[in-house]
Amino acid sequence: AAEYLMDYLKSRAPFWKKEFTKDGAEWVDAKDEDET
């Protein structure tokens, strides 16, 4: 159940993440391995 919840949080939970580096900002795309 914990793994299931973590997989859901990583791939489907309605959060949007943006990473900031010295080179600028970029939205984090969904990863195929998370969907798999």
PDB file of all heavy atoms in Angstrom:
ATOM      1  N   ALA A   1       0.829  -1.206   0.000  1.00  0.00           N
ATOM      2  CA  ALA A   1       0.000   0.000   0.000  1.00  0.00           C
ATOM      3  C   ALA A   1       0.868   1.263   0.000  1.00  0.00           C
ATOM      4  O   ALA A   1       0.567   2.229  -0.707  1.00  0.00           O
ATOM      5  CB  ALA A   1      -0.928  -0.006   1.204  1.00  0.00           C
ATOM      6  N   ALA A   2       1.947   1.255   0.766  1.00  0.00           N
ATOM      7  CA  ALA A   2       2.845   2.415   0.794  1.00  0.00           C
ATOM      8  C   ALA A   2       3.477   2.628  -0.579  1.00  0.00           C
ATOM      9  O   ALA A   2       3.544   3.767  -1.070  1.00  0.00           O
ATOM     10  CB  ALA A   2       3.925   2.233   1.860  1.00  0.00           C
ATOM     11  N   GLU A   3       3.912   1.554  -1.225  1.00  0.00           N
ATOM     12  CA  GLU A   3       4.484   1.681  -2.568  1.00  0.00           C
ATOM     13  C   GLU A   3       3.463   2.207  -3.565  1.00  0.00           C
ATOM     14  O   GLU A   3       3.777   3.049  -4.410  1.00  0.00           O
ATOM     15  CB  GLU A   3       5.033   0.344  -3.047  1.00  0.00           C
ATOM     16  CG  GLU A   3       6.350  -0.026  -2.418  1.00  0.00           C
ATOM     17  CD  GLU A   3       6.932  -1.260  -3.082  1.00  0.00           C
ATOM     18  OE1 GLU A   3       6.446  -2.370  -2.802  1.00  0.00           O
ATOM     19  OE2 GLU A   3       7.862  -1.084  -3.903  1.00  0.00           O
ATOM     20  N   TYR A   4       2.257   1.696  -3.476  1.00  0.00           N
ATOM     21  CA  TYR A   4       1.175   2.149  -4.350  1.00  0.00           C
ATOM     22  C   TYR A   4       0.949   3.653  -4.178  1.00  0.00           C
ATOM     23  O   TYR A   4       0.858   4.394  -5.167  1.00  0.00           O
ATOM     24  CB  TYR A   4      -0.090   1.361  -4.009  1.00  0.00           C
ATOM     25  CG  TYR A   4      -1.339   1.833  -4.703  1.00  0.00           C
ATOM     26  CD1 TYR A   4      -1.543   1.581  -6.058  1.00  0.00           C
ATOM     27  CD2 TYR A   4      -2.329   2.510  -4.005  1.00  0.00           C
ATOM     28  CE1 TYR A   4      -2.703   1.993  -6.687  1.00  0.00           C
ATOM     29  CE2 TYR A   4      -3.490   2.917  -4.627  1.00  0.00           C
ATOM     30  CZ  TYR A   4      -3.676   2.660  -5.975  1.00  0.00           C
ATOM     31  OH  TYR A   4      -4.821   3.070  -6.600  1.00  0.00           O
ATOM     32  N   LEU A   5       0.862   4.098  -2.936  1.00  0.00           N
ATOM     33  CA  LEU A   5       0.648   5.519  -2.674  1.00  0.00           C
ATOM     34  C   LEU A   5       1.808   6.362  -3.190  1.00  0.00           C
ATOM     35  O   LEU A   5       1.606   7.431  -3.773  1.00  0.00           O
ATOM     36  CB  LEU A   5       0.438   5.749  -1.176  1.00  0.00           C
ATOM     37  CG  LEU A   5      -0.898   5.240  -0.633  1.00  0.00           C
ATOM     38  CD1 LEU A   5      -0.866   5.185   0.891  1.00  0.00           C
ATOM     39  CD2 LEU A   5      -2.050   6.092  -1.125  1.00  0.00           C
ATOM     40  N   MET A   6       3.029   5.888  -3.004  1.00  0.00           N
ATOM     41  CA  MET A   6       4.195   6.633  -3.483  1.00  0.00           C
ATOM     42  C   MET A   6       4.214   6.709  -5.003  1.00  0.00           C
ATOM     43  O   MET A   6       4.510   7.758  -5.578  1.00  0.00           O
ATOM     44  CB  MET A   6       5.481   6.011  -2.946  1.00  0.00           C
ATOM     45  CG  MET A   6       5.621   6.203  -1.443  1.00  0.00           C
ATOM     46  SD  MET A   6       7.101   5.462  -0.727  1.00  0.00           S
ATOM     47  CE  MET A   6       6.815   3.725  -0.993  1.00  0.00           C
ATOM     48  N   ASP A   7       3.885   5.586  -5.668  1.00  0.00           N
ATOM     49  CA  ASP A   7       3.825   5.602  -7.135  1.00  0.00           C
ATOM     50  C   ASP A   7       2.777   6.592  -7.615  1.00  0.00           C
ATOM     51  O   ASP A   7       2.994   7.347  -8.572  1.00  0.00           O
ATOM     52  CB  ASP A   7       3.516   4.205  -7.678  1.00  0.00           C
ATOM     53  CG  ASP A   7       4.703   3.257  -7.590  1.00  0.00           C
ATOM     54  OD1 ASP A   7       5.835   3.726  -7.381  1.00  0.00           O
ATOM     55  OD2 ASP A   7       4.485   2.040  -7.746  1.00  0.00           O
ATOM     56  N   TYR A   8       1.624   6.619  -6.960  1.00  0.00           N
ATOM     57  CA  TYR A   8       0.573   7.558  -7.320  1.00  0.00           C
ATOM     58  C   TYR A   8       1.050   9.001  -7.112  1.00  0.00           C
ATOM     59  O   TYR A   8       0.873   9.852  -7.987  1.00  0.00           O
ATOM     60  CB  TYR A   8      -0.693   7.297  -6.497  1.00  0.00           C
ATOM     61  CG  TYR A   8      -1.748   8.341  -6.747  1.00  0.00           C
ATOM     62  CD1 TYR A   8      -2.609   8.244  -7.841  1.00  0.00           C
ATOM     63  CD2 TYR A   8      -1.860   9.458  -5.921  1.00  0.00           C
ATOM     64  CE1 TYR A   8      -3.551   9.220  -8.086  1.00  0.00           C
ATOM     65  CE2 TYR A   8      -2.799  10.434  -6.167  1.00  0.00           C
ATOM     66  CZ  TYR A   8      -3.647  10.313  -7.249  1.00  0.00           C
ATOM     67  OH  TYR A   8      -4.572  11.291  -7.503  1.00  0.00           O
ATOM     68  N   LEU A   9       1.647   9.281  -5.954  1.00  0.00           N
ATOM     69  CA  LEU A   9       2.106  10.637  -5.672  1.00  0.00           C
ATOM     70  C   LEU A   9       3.133  11.109  -6.694  1.00  0.00           C
ATOM     71  O   LEU A   9       3.134  12.272  -7.100  1.00  0.00           O
ATOM     72  CB  LEU A   9       2.703  10.718  -4.263  1.00  0.00           C
ATOM     73  CG  LEU A   9       1.702  10.656  -3.117  1.00  0.00           C
ATOM     74  CD1 LEU A   9       2.421  10.473  -1.786  1.00  0.00           C
ATOM     75  CD2 LEU A   9       0.824  11.894  -3.084  1.00  0.00           C
ATOM     76  N   LYS A  10       3.989  10.215  -7.118  1.00  0.00           N
ATOM     77  CA  LYS A  10       5.059  10.574  -8.055  1.00  0.00           C
ATOM     78  C   LYS A  10       4.520  10.863  -9.459  1.00  0.00           C
ATOM     79  O   LYS A  10       5.050  11.717 -10.161  1.00  0.00           O
ATOM     80  CB  LYS A  10       6.084   9.429  -8.099  1.00  0.00           C
ATOM     81  CG  LYS A  10       7.307   9.715  -8.900  1.00  0.00           C
ATOM     82  CD  LYS A  10       8.210  10.707  -8.206  1.00  0.00           C
ATOM     83  CE  LYS A  10       9.486  10.850  -8.988  1.00  0.00           C
ATOM     84  NZ  LYS A  10      10.277  11.955  -8.563  1.00  0.00           N
ATOM     85  N   SER A  11       3.460  10.152  -9.858  1.00  0.00           N
ATOM     86  CA  SER A  11       3.055  10.260 -11.253  1.00  0.00           C
ATOM     87  C   SER A  11       1.706  10.922 -11.501  1.00  0.00           C
ATOM     88  O   SER A  11       1.509  11.531 -12.544  1.00  0.00           O
ATOM     89  CB  SER A  11       3.040   8.875 -11.893  1.00  0.00           C
ATOM     90  OG  SER A  11       2.118   8.051 -11.208  1.00  0.00           O
ATOM     91  N   ARG A  12       0.769  10.819 -10.572  1.00  0.00           N
ATOM     92  CA  ARG A  12      -0.587  11.278 -10.858  1.00  0.00           C
ATOM     93  C   ARG A  12      -1.135  12.342  -9.927  1.00  0.00           C
ATOM     94  O   ARG A  12      -2.155  12.949 -10.237  1.00  0.00           O
ATOM     95  CB  ARG A  12      -1.541  10.084 -10.839  1.00  0.00           C
ATOM     96  CG  ARG A  12      -1.259   9.045 -11.881  1.00  0.00           C
ATOM     97  CD  ARG A  12      -1.742   9.502 -13.242  1.00  0.00           C
ATOM     98  NE  ARG A  12      -1.279   8.629 -14.289  1.00  0.00           N
ATOM     99  CZ  ARG A  12      -1.876   7.536 -14.682  1.00  0.00           C
ATOM    100  NH1 ARG A  12      -2.998   7.165 -14.109  1.00  0.00           N
ATOM    101  NH2 ARG A  12      -1.365   6.807 -15.653  1.00  0.00           N
ATOM    102  N   ALA A  13      -0.539  12.527  -8.785  1.00  0.00           N
ATOM    103  CA  ALA A  13      -1.069  13.529  -7.856  1.00  0.00           C
ATOM    104  C   ALA A  13      -0.992  14.910  -8.502  1.00  0.00           C
ATOM    105  O   ALA A  13      -0.030  15.222  -9.211  1.00  0.00           O
ATOM    106  CB  ALA A  13      -0.281  13.504  -6.553  1.00  0.00           C
ATOM    107  N   PRO A  14      -1.998  15.734  -8.292  1.00  0.00           N
ATOM    108  CA  PRO A  14      -2.043  17.041  -8.961  1.00  0.00           C
ATOM    109  C   PRO A  14      -1.128  18.085  -8.317  1.00  0.00           C
ATOM    110  O   PRO A  14      -1.570  19.004  -7.639  1.00  0.00           O
ATOM    111  CB  PRO A  14      -3.520  17.428  -8.866  1.00  0.00           C
ATOM    112  CG  PRO A  14      -4.035  16.708  -7.667  1.00  0.00           C
ATOM    113  CD  PRO A  14      -3.228  15.444  -7.557  1.00  0.00           C
ATOM    114  N   PHE A  15       0.175  17.878  -8.533  1.00  0.00           N
ATOM    115  CA  PHE A  15       1.192  18.840  -8.138  1.00  0.00           C
ATOM    116  C   PHE A  15       1.989  19.191  -9.389  1.00  0.00           C
ATOM    117  O   PHE A  15       2.213  18.343 -10.255  1.00  0.00           O
ATOM    118  CB  PHE A  15       2.165  18.240  -7.104  1.00  0.00           C
ATOM    119  CG  PHE A  15       1.556  17.981  -5.763  1.00  0.00           C
ATOM    120  CD1 PHE A  15       1.140  16.707  -5.419  1.00  0.00           C
ATOM    121  CD2 PHE A  15       1.416  19.007  -4.841  1.00  0.00           C
ATOM    122  CE1 PHE A  15       0.575  16.459  -4.181  1.00  0.00           C
ATOM    123  CE2 PHE A  15       0.855  18.766  -3.597  1.00  0.00           C
ATOM    124  CZ  PHE A  15       0.432  17.487  -3.269  1.00  0.00           C
ATOM    125  N   TRP A  16       2.444  20.444  -9.473  1.00  0.00           N
ATOM    126  CA  TRP A  16       3.273  20.873 -10.584  1.00  0.00           C
ATOM    127  C   TRP A  16       4.575  21.382 -10.001  1.00  0.00           C
ATOM    128  O   TRP A  16       4.586  22.213  -9.089  1.00  0.00           O
ATOM    129  CB  TRP A  16       2.555  21.959 -11.383  1.00  0.00           C
ATOM    130  CG  TRP A  16       1.338  21.382 -12.023  1.00  0.00           C
ATOM    131  CD1 TRP A  16       1.260  20.806 -13.263  1.00  0.00           C
ATOM    132  CD2 TRP A  16       0.031  21.260 -11.448  1.00  0.00           C
ATOM    133  NE1 TRP A  16      -0.020  20.342 -13.479  1.00  0.00           N
ATOM    134  CE2 TRP A  16      -0.799  20.607 -12.389  1.00  0.00           C
ATOM    135  CE3 TRP A  16      -0.532  21.620 -10.224  1.00  0.00           C
ATOM    136  CZ2 TRP A  16      -2.129  20.329 -12.150  1.00  0.00           C
ATOM    137  CZ3 TRP A  16      -1.869  21.341  -9.984  1.00  0.00           C
ATOM    138  CH2 TRP A  16      -2.648  20.710 -10.937  1.00  0.00           C
ATOM    139  N   LYS A  17       5.688  20.857 -10.547  1.00  0.00           N
ATOM    140  CA  LYS A  17       7.009  21.151  -9.982  1.00  0.00           C
ATOM    141  C   LYS A  17       7.866  21.896 -11.004  1.00  0.00           C
ATOM    142  O   LYS A  17       7.933  21.508 -12.170  1.00  0.00           O
ATOM    143  CB  LYS A  17       7.703  19.843  -9.592  1.00  0.00           C
ATOM    144  CG  LYS A  17       6.931  19.063  -8.551  1.00  0.00           C
ATOM    145  CD  LYS A  17       7.520  17.689  -8.330  1.00  0.00           C
ATOM    146  CE  LYS A  17       6.658  16.898  -7.368  1.00  0.00           C
ATOM    147  NZ  LYS A  17       7.118  15.527  -7.222  1.00  0.00           N
ATOM    148  N   LYS A  18       8.521  22.926 -10.515  1.00  0.00           N
ATOM    149  CA  LYS A  18       9.432  23.707 -11.357  1.00  0.00           C
ATOM    150  C   LYS A  18      10.776  23.754 -10.659  1.00  0.00           C
ATOM    151  O   LYS A  18      10.854  24.095  -9.469  1.00  0.00           O
ATOM    152  CB  LYS A  18       8.874  25.114 -11.545  1.00  0.00           C
ATOM    153  CG  LYS A  18       9.591  25.937 -12.600  1.00  0.00           C
ATOM    154  CD  LYS A  18       8.930  27.305 -12.722  1.00  0.00           C
ATOM    155  CE  LYS A  18       8.704  27.629 -14.167  1.00  0.00           C
ATOM    156  NZ  LYS A  18       8.109  28.975 -14.316  1.00  0.00           N
ATOM    157  N   GLU A  19      11.834  23.393 -11.401  1.00  0.00           N
ATOM    158  CA  GLU A  19      13.189  23.408 -10.855  1.00  0.00           C
ATOM    159  C   GLU A  19      13.914  24.673 -11.291  1.00  0.00           C
ATOM    160  O   GLU A  19      13.824  25.084 -12.447  1.00  0.00           O
ATOM    161  CB  GLU A  19      13.966  22.183 -11.334  1.00  0.00           C
ATOM    162  CG  GLU A  19      13.441  20.887 -10.760  1.00  0.00           C
ATOM    163  CD  GLU A  19      14.246  19.680 -11.201  1.00  0.00           C
ATOM    164  OE1 GLU A  19      14.975  19.765 -12.221  1.00  0.00           O
ATOM    165  OE2 GLU A  19      14.148  18.649 -10.528  1.00  0.00           O
ATOM    166  N   PHE A  20      14.647  25.256 -10.354  1.00  0.00           N
ATOM    167  CA  PHE A  20      15.418  26.470 -10.611  1.00  0.00           C
ATOM    168  C   PHE A  20      16.898  26.177 -10.426  1.00  0.00           C
ATOM    169  O   PHE A  20      17.306  25.677  -9.375  1.00  0.00           O
ATOM    170  CB  PHE A  20      15.001  27.585  -9.641  1.00  0.00           C
ATOM    171  CG  PHE A  20      13.616  28.113  -9.892  1.00  0.00           C
ATOM    172  CD1 PHE A  20      12.502  27.420  -9.426  1.00  0.00           C
ATOM    173  CD2 PHE A  20      13.430  29.285 -10.605  1.00  0.00           C
ATOM    174  CE1 PHE A  20      11.224  27.890  -9.654  1.00  0.00           C
ATOM    175  CE2 PHE A  20      12.149  29.761 -10.841  1.00  0.00           C
ATOM    176  CZ  PHE A  20      11.048  29.070 -10.367  1.00  0.00           C
ATOM    177  N   THR A  21      17.677  26.489 -11.459  1.00  0.00           N
ATOM    178  CA  THR A  21      19.135  26.365 -11.408  1.00  0.00           C
ATOM    179  C   THR A  21      19.728  27.703 -11.827  1.00  0.00           C
ATOM    180  O   THR A  21      18.991  28.622 -12.211  1.00  0.00           O
ATOM    181  CB  THR A  21      19.655  25.270 -12.361  1.00  0.00           C
ATOM    182  OG1 THR A  21      19.414  25.694 -13.712  1.00  0.00           O
ATOM    183  CG2 THR A  21      18.969  23.927 -12.097  1.00  0.00           C
ATOM    184  N   LYS A  22      21.053  27.794 -11.821  1.00  0.00           N
ATOM    185  CA  LYS A  22      21.700  29.033 -12.259  1.00  0.00           C
ATOM    186  C   LYS A  22      21.438  29.303 -13.738  1.00  0.00           C
ATOM    187  O   LYS A  22      21.552  30.426 -14.197  1.00  0.00           O
ATOM    188  CB  LYS A  22      23.197  28.979 -11.974  1.00  0.00           C
ATOM    189  CG  LYS A  22      23.935  27.881 -12.695  1.00  0.00           C
ATOM    190  CD  LYS A  22      25.424  27.912 -12.355  1.00  0.00           C
ATOM    191  CE  LYS A  22      26.126  26.690 -12.815  1.00  0.00           C
ATOM    192  NZ  LYS A  22      26.417  26.545 -14.180  1.00  0.00           N
ATOM    193  N   ASP A  23      21.047  28.265 -14.470  1.00  0.00           N
ATOM    194  CA  ASP A  23      20.771  28.413 -15.898  1.00  0.00           C
ATOM    195  C   ASP A  23      19.328  28.791 -16.201  1.00  0.00           C
ATOM    196  O   ASP A  23      18.970  28.986 -17.362  1.00  0.00           O
ATOM    197  CB  ASP A  23      21.113  27.108 -16.634  1.00  0.00           C
ATOM    198  CG  ASP A  23      22.585  26.766 -16.526  1.00  0.00           C
ATOM    199  OD1 ASP A  23      23.416  27.707 -16.559  1.00  0.00           O
ATOM    200  OD2 ASP A  23      22.907  25.574 -16.397  1.00  0.00           O
ATOM    201  N   GLY A  24      18.485  28.851 -15.184  1.00  0.00           N
ATOM    202  CA  GLY A  24      17.095  29.227 -15.413  1.00  0.00           C
ATOM    203  C   GLY A  24      16.136  28.283 -14.720  1.00  0.00           C
ATOM    204  O   GLY A  24      16.518  27.528 -13.827  1.00  0.00           O
ATOM    205  N   ALA A  25      14.893  28.317 -15.175  1.00  0.00           N
ATOM    206  CA  ALA A  25      13.835  27.509 -14.559  1.00  0.00           C
ATOM    207  C   ALA A  25      13.217  26.591 -15.613  1.00  0.00           C
ATOM    208  O   ALA A  25      13.137  26.939 -16.790  1.00  0.00           O
ATOM    209  CB  ALA A  25      12.773  28.411 -13.961  1.00  0.00           C
ATOM    210  N   GLU A  26      12.779  25.418 -15.139  1.00  0.00           N
ATOM    211  CA  GLU A  26      12.182  24.444 -16.043  1.00  0.00           C
ATOM    212  C   GLU A  26      11.154  23.613 -15.297  1.00  0.00           C
ATOM    213  O   GLU A  26      11.411  23.151 -14.178  1.00  0.00           O
ATOM    214  CB  GLU A  26      13.289  23.530 -16.592  1.00  0.00           C
ATOM    215  CG  GLU A  26      12.859  22.638 -17.707  1.00  0.00           C
ATOM    216  CD  GLU A  26      14.060  21.921 -18.315  1.00  0.00           C
ATOM    217  OE1 GLU A  26      15.003  22.600 -18.770  1.00  0.00           O
ATOM    218  OE2 GLU A  26      14.039  20.678 -18.309  1.00  0.00           O
ATOM    219  N   TRP A  27       9.986  23.429 -15.923  1.00  0.00           N
ATOM    220  CA  TRP A  27       8.968  22.555 -15.353  1.00  0.00           C
ATOM    221  C   TRP A  27       9.443  21.119 -15.412  1.00  0.00           C
ATOM    222  O   TRP A  27      10.092  20.716 -16.375  1.00  0.00           O
ATOM    223  CB  TRP A  27       7.642  22.688 -16.097  1.00  0.00           C
ATOM    224  CG  TRP A  27       6.960  23.999 -15.852  1.00  0.00           C
ATOM    225  CD1 TRP A  27       6.920  25.073 -16.695  1.00  0.00           C
ATOM    226  CD2 TRP A  27       6.250  24.386 -14.675  1.00  0.00           C
ATOM    227  NE1 TRP A  27       6.221  26.104 -16.112  1.00  0.00           N
ATOM    228  CE2 TRP A  27       5.795  25.696 -14.873  1.00  0.00           C
ATOM    229  CE3 TRP A  27       5.949  23.745 -13.478  1.00  0.00           C
ATOM    230  CZ2 TRP A  27       5.061  26.388 -13.917  1.00  0.00           C
ATOM    231  CZ3 TRP A  27       5.206  24.434 -12.528  1.00  0.00           C
ATOM    232  CH2 TRP A  27       4.766  25.739 -12.747  1.00  0.00           C
ATOM    233  N   VAL A  28       9.138  20.351 -14.398  1.00  0.00           N
ATOM    234  CA  VAL A  28       9.535  18.946 -14.347  1.00  0.00           C
ATOM    235  C   VAL A  28       8.497  18.133 -15.109  1.00  0.00           C
ATOM    236  O   VAL A  28       7.315  18.156 -14.780  1.00  0.00           O
ATOM    237  CB  VAL A  28       9.632  18.452 -12.878  1.00  0.00           C
ATOM    238  CG1 VAL A  28       9.959  16.968 -12.827  1.00  0.00           C
ATOM    239  CG2 VAL A  28      10.665  19.275 -12.112  1.00  0.00           C
ATOM    240  N   ASP A  29       8.952  17.432 -16.134  1.00  0.00           N
ATOM    241  CA  ASP A  29       8.075  16.582 -16.932  1.00  0.00           C
ATOM    242  C   ASP A  29       7.848  15.243 -16.249  1.00  0.00           C
ATOM    243  O   ASP A  29       8.692  14.774 -15.479  1.00  0.00           O
ATOM    244  CB  ASP A  29       8.696  16.312 -18.324  1.00  0.00           C
ATOM    245  CG  ASP A  29       8.743  17.554 -19.193  1.00  0.00           C
ATOM    246  OD1 ASP A  29       7.828  18.400 -19.061  1.00  0.00           O
ATOM    247  OD2 ASP A  29       9.686  17.686 -20.003  1.00  0.00           O
ATOM    248  N   ALA A  30       6.717  14.635 -16.570  1.00  0.00           N
ATOM    249  CA  ALA A  30       6.450  13.277 -16.095  1.00  0.00           C
ATOM    250  C   ALA A  30       7.487  12.340 -16.705  1.00  0.00           C
ATOM    251  O   ALA A  30       7.916  12.524 -17.841  1.00  0.00           O
ATOM    252  CB  ALA A  30       5.047  12.851 -16.497  1.00  0.00           C
ATOM    253  N   LYS A  31       7.899  11.345 -15.936  1.00  0.00           N
ATOM    254  CA  LYS A  31       8.892  10.380 -16.415  1.00  0.00           C
ATOM    255  C   LYS A  31       8.203   9.069 -16.775  1.00  0.00           C
ATOM    256  O   LYS A  31       7.302   8.616 -16.065  1.00  0.00           O
ATOM    257  CB  LYS A  31       9.952  10.147 -15.325  1.00  0.00           C
ATOM    258  CG  LYS A  31      10.775  11.379 -15.044  1.00  0.00           C
ATOM    259  CD  LYS A  31      11.893  11.076 -14.065  1.00  0.00           C
ATOM    260  CE  LYS A  31      12.837  12.237 -13.970  1.00  0.00           C
ATOM    261  NZ  LYS A  31      12.538  13.175 -12.953  1.00  0.00           N
ATOM    262  N   ASP A  32       8.655   8.481 -17.867  1.00  0.00           N
ATOM    263  CA  ASP A  32       8.066   7.218 -18.314  1.00  0.00           C
ATOM    264  C   ASP A  32       8.143   6.139 -17.245  1.00  0.00           C
ATOM    265  O   ASP A  32       7.200   5.383 -17.051  1.00  0.00           O
ATOM    266  CB  ASP A  32       8.759   6.720 -19.587  1.00  0.00           C
ATOM    267  CG  ASP A  32       8.441   7.589 -20.798  1.00  0.00           C
ATOM    268  OD1 ASP A  32       7.405   8.287 -20.772  1.00  0.00           O
ATOM    269  OD2 ASP A  32       9.222   7.566 -21.761  1.00  0.00           O
ATOM    270  N   GLU A  33       9.266   6.076 -16.512  1.00  0.00           N
ATOM    271  CA  GLU A  33       9.414   5.031 -15.489  1.00  0.00           C
ATOM    272  C   GLU A  33       8.415   5.208 -14.344  1.00  0.00           C
ATOM    273  O   GLU A  33       7.985   4.233 -13.734  1.00  0.00           O
ATOM    274  CB  GLU A  33      10.838   4.935 -14.955  1.00  0.00           C
ATOM    275  CG  GLU A  33      11.380   6.186 -14.317  1.00  0.00           C
ATOM    276  CD  GLU A  33      12.192   7.082 -15.241  1.00  0.00           C
ATOM    277  OE1 GLU A  33      12.056   6.999 -16.471  1.00  0.00           O
ATOM    278  OE2 GLU A  33      12.969   7.898 -14.720  1.00  0.00           O
ATOM    279  N   ASP A  34       8.033   6.459 -14.066  1.00  0.00           N
ATOM    280  CA  ASP A  34       7.026   6.686 -13.025  1.00  0.00           C
ATOM    281  C   ASP A  34       5.647   6.210 -13.488  1.00  0.00           C
ATOM    282  O   ASP A  34       4.897   5.622 -12.713  1.00  0.00           O
ATOM    283  CB  ASP A  34       6.972   8.159 -12.637  1.00  0.00           C
ATOM    284  CG  ASP A  34       8.238   8.639 -11.955  1.00  0.00           C
ATOM    285  OD1 ASP A  34       8.919   7.803 -11.328  1.00  0.00           O
ATOM    286  OD2 ASP A  34       8.555   9.834 -12.062  1.00  0.00           O
ATOM    287  N   GLU A  35       5.335   6.458 -14.739  1.00  0.00           N
ATOM    288  CA  GLU A  35       4.068   5.986 -15.297  1.00  0.00           C
ATOM    289  C   GLU A  35       4.050   4.463 -15.358  1.00  0.00           C
ATOM    290  O   GLU A  35       3.055   3.825 -15.033  1.00  0.00           O
ATOM    291  CB  GLU A  35       3.831   6.570 -16.690  1.00  0.00           C
ATOM    292  CG  GLU A  35       3.463   8.023 -16.684  1.00  0.00           C
ATOM    293  CD  GLU A  35       2.139   8.309 -15.983  1.00  0.00           C
ATOM    294  OE1 GLU A  35       1.171   7.538 -16.178  1.00  0.00           O
ATOM    295  OE2 GLU A  35       2.082   9.284 -15.222  1.00  0.00           O
ATOM    296  N   THR A  36       5.173   3.879 -15.757  1.00  0.00           N
ATOM    297  CA  THR A  36       5.272   2.420 -15.837  1.00  0.00           C
ATOM    298  C   THR A  36       5.089   1.780 -14.463  1.00  0.00           C
ATOM    299  O   THR A  36       4.485   0.718 -14.351  1.00  0.00           O
ATOM    300  CB  THR A  36       6.632   2.019 -16.446  1.00  0.00           C
ATOM    301  OG1 THR A  36       6.741   2.609 -17.746  1.00  0.00           O
ATOM    302  CG2 THR A  36       6.773   0.516 -16.566  1.00  0.00           C
TER     303      THR A  36
END
